[in-house]
Amino acid sequence: MIVARHSMTRLSSLSVCLILFFIMVGCSETASEVECDQAYDHLIAVRTGTESAEIVKKIKATELEKNRPIFLKECVGRTSKSVLACWNAAETTQAMRECEVSR
């Protein structure tokens, strides 16, 4: 009886460890707040990069900044790192949209 309880305890401990391992591995595949923040910086750069007048760039960047908290809420822990890597390599908003579809 004692041996059976000890085996069950070991099995339970092993199960908990495996579950925690898979959770940690799964979490590492999604983007952190820092990674999402950097991606949003890149989005602003892409969206304002075609403007020739510096004042227009600043106005657009200010408008886009208002949406940063919403973006972060949707991105952190939900968006895969591969999508953000694609985003950060993209030079157009169209290419960024394609990242989301292809990953």
Protein backbone atom coordinates (compact mmCIF):
# COMPACT_ATOMS: atom_id res chain seq x y z
CA MET A 1 0.00 0.00 0.00
CA ILE A 2 2.81 2.43 0.90
CA VAL A 3 4.66 1.53 -2.31
CA ALA A 4 1.52 2.23 -4.35
CA ARG A 5 1.09 5.66 -2.72
CA HIS A 6 4.75 6.49 -3.33
CA SER A 7 4.41 5.50 -7.00
CA MET A 8 1.25 7.62 -7.35
CA THR A 9 3.01 10.60 -5.76
CA ARG A 10 5.95 10.24 -8.13
CA LEU A 11 3.59 9.91 -11.09
CA SER A 12 1.69 13.02 -10.02
CA SER A 13 4.92 14.97 -9.54
CA LEU A 14 6.15 13.88 -12.94
CA SER A 15 2.83 14.89 -14.53
CA VAL A 16 3.00 18.33 -12.92
CA CYS A 17 6.59 18.79 -14.09
CA LEU A 18 5.71 17.79 -17.65
CA ILE A 19 2.70 20.12 -17.72
CA LEU A 20 4.83 23.02 -16.46
CA PHE A 21 7.51 22.22 -19.03
CA PHE A 22 5.03 22.29 -21.91
CA ILE A 23 3.49 25.52 -20.62
CA MET A 24 6.91 27.17 -20.47
CA VAL A 25 7.83 25.93 -23.95
CA GLY A 26 4.51 27.13 -25.31
CA CYS A 27 4.87 30.52 -23.67
CA SER A 28 8.33 31.02 -25.09
CA GLU A 29 6.90 30.73 -28.60
CA THR A 30 4.70 33.78 -28.13
CA ALA A 31 5.91 37.35 -28.06
CA SER A 32 6.84 39.25 -24.93
CA GLU A 33 5.84 42.83 -24.21
CA VAL A 34 9.28 44.07 -25.25
CA GLU A 35 9.09 42.20 -28.57
CA CYS A 36 5.59 43.50 -29.27
CA ASP A 37 6.65 47.03 -28.36
CA GLN A 38 9.56 46.81 -30.81
CA ALA A 39 7.23 45.49 -33.51
CA TYR A 40 4.91 48.44 -32.97
CA ASP A 41 7.87 50.83 -33.27
CA HIS A 42 8.62 49.17 -36.61
CA LEU A 43 4.98 49.51 -37.68
CA ILE A 44 5.12 53.24 -36.97
CA ALA A 45 8.37 53.53 -38.94
CA VAL A 46 6.83 51.69 -41.90
CA ARG A 47 3.59 53.69 -41.79
CA THR A 48 5.39 57.05 -41.58
CA GLY A 49 8.42 56.24 -43.73
CA THR A 50 6.84 57.30 -47.02
CA GLU A 51 6.06 60.83 -45.83
CA SER A 52 8.48 63.46 -47.02
CA ALA A 53 7.51 66.24 -44.61
CA GLU A 54 8.84 65.72 -41.09
CA ILE A 55 5.79 67.38 -39.51
CA VAL A 56 3.46 64.92 -41.26
CA LYS A 57 5.58 62.02 -39.95
CA LYS A 58 5.27 63.38 -36.41
CA ILE A 59 1.51 63.82 -36.68
CA LYS A 60 1.03 60.30 -38.04
CA ALA A 61 3.34 58.84 -35.38
CA THR A 62 1.38 60.65 -32.64
CA GLU A 63 -1.90 59.25 -33.98
CA LEU A 64 -0.44 55.74 -34.18
CA GLU A 65 0.93 56.00 -30.62
CA LYS A 66 -2.64 56.21 -29.33
CA ASN A 67 -3.19 52.62 -30.46
CA ARG A 68 -0.05 51.16 -28.85
CA PRO A 69 -1.84 49.92 -25.67
CA ILE A 70 -4.48 48.14 -27.75
CA PHE A 71 -1.81 46.56 -29.95
CA LEU A 72 0.19 45.40 -26.93
CA LYS A 73 -2.88 43.88 -25.31
CA GLU A 74 -3.59 41.85 -28.45
CA CYS A 75 0.04 40.97 -29.15
CA VAL A 76 1.66 39.98 -25.83
CA GLY A 77 1.38 36.26 -25.23
CA ARG A 78 -0.82 35.80 -28.30
CA THR A 79 1.32 36.57 -31.32
CA SER A 80 3.99 34.09 -32.33
CA LYS A 81 7.59 35.16 -32.45
CA SER A 82 7.77 34.04 -36.08
CA VAL A 83 5.03 36.53 -37.04
CA LEU A 84 6.89 39.35 -35.29
CA ALA A 85 10.17 38.36 -36.95
CA CYS A 86 8.41 38.55 -40.30
CA TRP A 87 6.83 41.90 -39.31
CA ASN A 88 10.19 43.38 -38.36
CA ALA A 89 11.65 42.35 -41.72
CA ALA A 90 8.69 43.76 -43.66
CA GLU A 91 9.09 47.06 -45.46
CA THR A 92 5.42 47.70 -46.24
CA THR A 93 2.14 47.34 -44.37
CA GLN A 94 1.01 44.90 -47.06
CA ALA A 95 4.00 42.69 -46.31
CA MET A 96 3.11 42.91 -42.60
CA ARG A 97 -0.44 41.74 -43.31
CA GLU A 98 0.96 38.82 -45.29
CA CYS A 99 3.07 37.81 -42.28
CA GLU A 100 -0.07 37.29 -40.25
CA VAL A 101 -1.67 35.12 -42.93
CA SER A 102 1.38 33.04 -43.79
CA ARG A 103 2.44 32.13 -40.25
